[in-house]
Amino acid sequence: MQAHKISTFTDKTGRLVNLPTFKPMQQVELIVLFPLQEDSLPVNKRRPPEKLKGVLLETGDIFSSAPHEDWGIS
C-alpha cells in the first residue's frame, strides 16, 4: 500500500469534502484523526487533591533514601 496524507473538512451535513476519486473495486484503508479540543484537559492528566497541594516539600537528597542499585544509575 502507498500512503497519502489528505487533510479535509466536513460540510454542514457532516460529510467529507474534497476526497480523491478511487478506482472501481479498489481496496482503501482510512485512518481518521480528530483534533483535540483546545479548551479541554487531557483525560489522563492527574492532579493531587486540593487539600494535599503544597503539603510535601522536598528539601533533601532523595537519592540517599535508597541504595544506588535501586535507582538504576550506578
N, C-alpha and C. Protein backbone atom coordinates (compact mmCIF):
# COMPACT_ATOMS: atom_id res chain seq x y z
N MET A 1 0.84 -1.18 0.00
CA MET A 1 0.00 0.00 0.00
C MET A 1 0.88 1.24 0.00
N GLN A 2 0.36 2.28 -0.57
CA GLN A 2 1.03 3.56 -0.61
C GLN A 2 0.27 4.52 0.28
N ALA A 3 0.96 5.34 1.04
CA ALA A 3 0.30 6.27 1.94
C ALA A 3 0.18 7.65 1.31
N HIS A 4 -0.97 8.25 1.47
CA HIS A 4 -1.22 9.61 1.02
C HIS A 4 -1.92 10.34 2.16
N LYS A 5 -1.37 11.49 2.57
CA LYS A 5 -2.00 12.27 3.63
C LYS A 5 -2.99 13.25 3.00
N ILE A 6 -4.22 13.21 3.49
CA ILE A 6 -5.26 14.08 2.98
C ILE A 6 -5.86 14.81 4.18
N SER A 7 -5.81 16.11 4.17
CA SER A 7 -6.45 16.90 5.21
C SER A 7 -7.68 17.54 4.60
N THR A 8 -8.83 17.28 5.17
CA THR A 8 -10.09 17.76 4.60
C THR A 8 -11.03 18.22 5.70
N PHE A 9 -12.19 18.68 5.32
CA PHE A 9 -13.20 19.17 6.25
C PHE A 9 -14.52 18.48 5.95
N THR A 10 -15.48 18.70 6.82
CA THR A 10 -16.83 18.20 6.56
C THR A 10 -17.74 19.36 6.19
N ASP A 11 -18.78 19.05 5.44
CA ASP A 11 -19.75 20.09 5.08
C ASP A 11 -20.79 20.20 6.19
N LYS A 12 -21.84 20.98 5.96
CA LYS A 12 -22.83 21.22 7.01
C LYS A 12 -23.63 19.99 7.39
N THR A 13 -23.57 18.94 6.56
CA THR A 13 -24.26 17.69 6.90
C THR A 13 -23.31 16.67 7.54
N GLY A 14 -22.02 17.02 7.67
CA GLY A 14 -21.05 16.12 8.29
C GLY A 14 -20.35 15.20 7.32
N ARG A 15 -20.53 15.39 6.02
CA ARG A 15 -19.87 14.54 5.02
C ARG A 15 -18.54 15.15 4.62
N LEU A 16 -17.56 14.28 4.37
CA LEU A 16 -16.24 14.74 3.97
C LEU A 16 -16.28 15.37 2.58
N VAL A 17 -15.55 16.45 2.42
CA VAL A 17 -15.48 17.12 1.12
C VAL A 17 -14.07 16.99 0.55
N ASN A 18 -13.97 17.12 -0.75
CA ASN A 18 -12.69 17.11 -1.48
C ASN A 18 -11.89 15.81 -1.31
N LEU A 19 -12.57 14.69 -1.26
CA LEU A 19 -11.87 13.41 -1.24
C LEU A 19 -11.47 13.05 -2.67
N PRO A 20 -10.35 12.36 -2.85
CA PRO A 20 -9.96 11.96 -4.19
C PRO A 20 -10.89 10.88 -4.74
N THR A 21 -10.89 10.71 -6.04
CA THR A 21 -11.67 9.62 -6.63
C THR A 21 -10.82 8.35 -6.64
N PHE A 22 -11.47 7.22 -6.53
CA PHE A 22 -10.78 5.95 -6.48
C PHE A 22 -11.19 5.08 -7.67
N LYS A 23 -10.34 4.09 -7.95
CA LYS A 23 -10.66 3.13 -9.00
C LYS A 23 -11.80 2.24 -8.53
N PRO A 24 -12.60 1.71 -9.43
CA PRO A 24 -13.66 0.79 -9.02
C PRO A 24 -13.08 -0.47 -8.36
N MET A 25 -13.71 -0.90 -7.31
CA MET A 25 -13.36 -2.13 -6.58
C MET A 25 -11.94 -2.05 -6.00
N GLN A 26 -11.46 -0.87 -5.69
CA GLN A 26 -10.12 -0.69 -5.13
C GLN A 26 -10.20 -0.77 -3.61
N GLN A 27 -9.25 -1.47 -3.00
CA GLN A 27 -9.20 -1.56 -1.55
C GLN A 27 -8.53 -0.30 -1.02
N VAL A 28 -9.18 0.34 -0.05
CA VAL A 28 -8.68 1.58 0.54
C VAL A 28 -8.76 1.44 2.05
N GLU A 29 -7.70 1.83 2.76
CA GLU A 29 -7.69 1.80 4.21
C GLU A 29 -7.59 3.25 4.70
N LEU A 30 -8.54 3.65 5.53
CA LEU A 30 -8.58 5.02 6.03
C LEU A 30 -8.31 5.04 7.52
N ILE A 31 -7.53 6.02 7.96
CA ILE A 31 -7.31 6.28 9.38
C ILE A 31 -7.81 7.70 9.62
N VAL A 32 -8.79 7.84 10.48
CA VAL A 32 -9.40 9.14 10.72
C VAL A 32 -8.90 9.67 12.06
N LEU A 33 -8.34 10.88 12.06
CA LEU A 33 -7.86 11.53 13.27
C LEU A 33 -8.66 12.80 13.50
N PHE A 34 -9.12 12.99 14.72
CA PHE A 34 -9.85 14.19 15.07
C PHE A 34 -8.97 15.04 15.97
N PRO A 35 -8.82 16.34 15.68
CA PRO A 35 -8.01 17.19 16.55
C PRO A 35 -8.65 17.31 17.92
N LEU A 36 -7.80 17.42 18.95
CA LEU A 36 -8.30 17.56 20.32
C LEU A 36 -8.87 18.94 20.53
N GLN A 37 -9.83 19.02 21.42
CA GLN A 37 -10.38 20.32 21.80
C GLN A 37 -9.31 21.07 22.59
N GLU A 38 -9.06 22.30 22.24
CA GLU A 38 -8.02 23.09 22.91
C GLU A 38 -8.39 23.43 24.35
N ASP A 39 -9.68 23.59 24.62
CA ASP A 39 -10.09 24.03 25.94
C ASP A 39 -10.31 22.89 26.92
N SER A 40 -10.24 21.64 26.49
CA SER A 40 -10.46 20.53 27.40
C SER A 40 -9.14 19.97 27.90
N LEU A 41 -9.14 19.48 29.13
CA LEU A 41 -7.94 18.88 29.71
C LEU A 41 -7.82 17.44 29.25
N PRO A 42 -6.60 16.93 29.09
CA PRO A 42 -6.44 15.52 28.74
C PRO A 42 -7.05 14.62 29.82
N VAL A 43 -7.60 13.50 29.41
CA VAL A 43 -8.27 12.60 30.35
C VAL A 43 -7.28 12.01 31.35
N ASN A 44 -6.06 11.70 30.90
CA ASN A 44 -5.10 11.05 31.79
C ASN A 44 -4.28 12.03 32.63
N LYS A 45 -4.63 13.30 32.66
CA LYS A 45 -3.92 14.29 33.45
C LYS A 45 -4.28 14.09 34.91
N ARG A 46 -3.27 13.80 35.74
CA ARG A 46 -3.51 13.54 37.15
C ARG A 46 -3.11 14.75 37.97
N ARG A 47 -3.89 15.05 38.98
CA ARG A 47 -3.62 16.16 39.87
C ARG A 47 -3.87 15.73 41.30
N PRO A 48 -3.09 16.26 42.24
CA PRO A 48 -3.36 15.92 43.64
C PRO A 48 -4.61 16.61 44.14
N PRO A 49 -5.23 16.05 45.16
CA PRO A 49 -6.38 16.73 45.75
C PRO A 49 -5.97 18.11 46.27
N GLU A 50 -6.91 19.03 46.28
CA GLU A 50 -6.63 20.40 46.71
C GLU A 50 -6.06 20.45 48.13
N LYS A 51 -6.54 19.57 49.04
CA LYS A 51 -6.08 19.63 50.43
C LYS A 51 -4.64 19.14 50.60
N LEU A 52 -4.09 18.44 49.59
CA LEU A 52 -2.71 17.95 49.68
C LEU A 52 -1.70 18.83 48.93
N LYS A 53 -2.15 19.79 48.18
CA LYS A 53 -1.24 20.66 47.43
C LYS A 53 -0.37 21.46 48.38
N GLY A 54 0.94 21.40 48.17
CA GLY A 54 1.88 22.19 48.96
C GLY A 54 2.23 21.58 50.30
N VAL A 55 1.71 20.39 50.63
CA VAL A 55 1.99 19.77 51.92
C VAL A 55 3.38 19.13 51.92
N LEU A 56 3.77 18.47 50.85
CA LEU A 56 5.04 17.78 50.77
C LEU A 56 6.09 18.71 50.17
N LEU A 57 7.16 18.91 50.90
CA LEU A 57 8.27 19.71 50.41
C LEU A 57 9.52 18.84 50.37
N GLU A 58 10.17 18.76 49.24
CA GLU A 58 11.42 18.00 49.11
C GLU A 58 12.57 18.95 49.42
N THR A 59 13.20 18.74 50.55
CA THR A 59 14.27 19.65 50.96
C THR A 59 15.63 18.98 51.03
N GLY A 60 15.68 17.68 50.81
CA GLY A 60 16.95 16.98 50.94
C GLY A 60 17.29 16.19 49.70
N ASP A 61 18.29 15.33 49.84
CA ASP A 61 18.76 14.48 48.76
C ASP A 61 17.88 13.23 48.71
N ILE A 62 17.05 13.11 47.69
CA ILE A 62 16.15 11.96 47.62
C ILE A 62 16.90 10.69 47.20
N PHE A 63 18.08 10.82 46.58
CA PHE A 63 18.84 9.64 46.16
C PHE A 63 19.41 8.88 47.36
N SER A 64 19.62 9.55 48.48
CA SER A 64 20.18 8.87 49.65
C SER A 64 19.14 8.02 50.37
N SER A 65 17.91 8.09 49.96
CA SER A 65 16.85 7.33 50.65
C SER A 65 16.83 5.85 50.21
N ALA A 66 17.53 5.50 49.16
CA ALA A 66 17.59 4.11 48.69
C ALA A 66 18.98 3.85 48.12
N PRO A 67 19.42 2.57 48.10
CA PRO A 67 20.72 2.26 47.54
C PRO A 67 20.81 2.65 46.06
N HIS A 68 22.02 2.94 45.59
CA HIS A 68 22.22 3.34 44.20
C HIS A 68 21.76 2.26 43.23
N GLU A 69 21.84 0.99 43.61
CA GLU A 69 21.41 -0.09 42.73
C GLU A 69 19.91 0.00 42.44
N ASP A 70 19.15 0.47 43.42
CA ASP A 70 17.70 0.57 43.24
C ASP A 70 17.31 1.67 42.26
N TRP A 71 18.13 2.67 42.13
CA TRP A 71 17.85 3.77 41.21
C TRP A 71 18.22 3.42 39.77
N GLY A 72 19.07 2.41 39.57
CA GLY A 72 19.46 2.00 38.24
C GLY A 72 20.38 3.01 37.55
N ILE A 73 21.18 3.75 38.33
CA ILE A 73 22.06 4.75 37.75
C ILE A 73 23.54 4.47 38.02
N SER A 74 23.85 3.44 38.78
CA SER A 74 25.26 3.19 39.07
C SER A 74 25.82 2.06 38.23
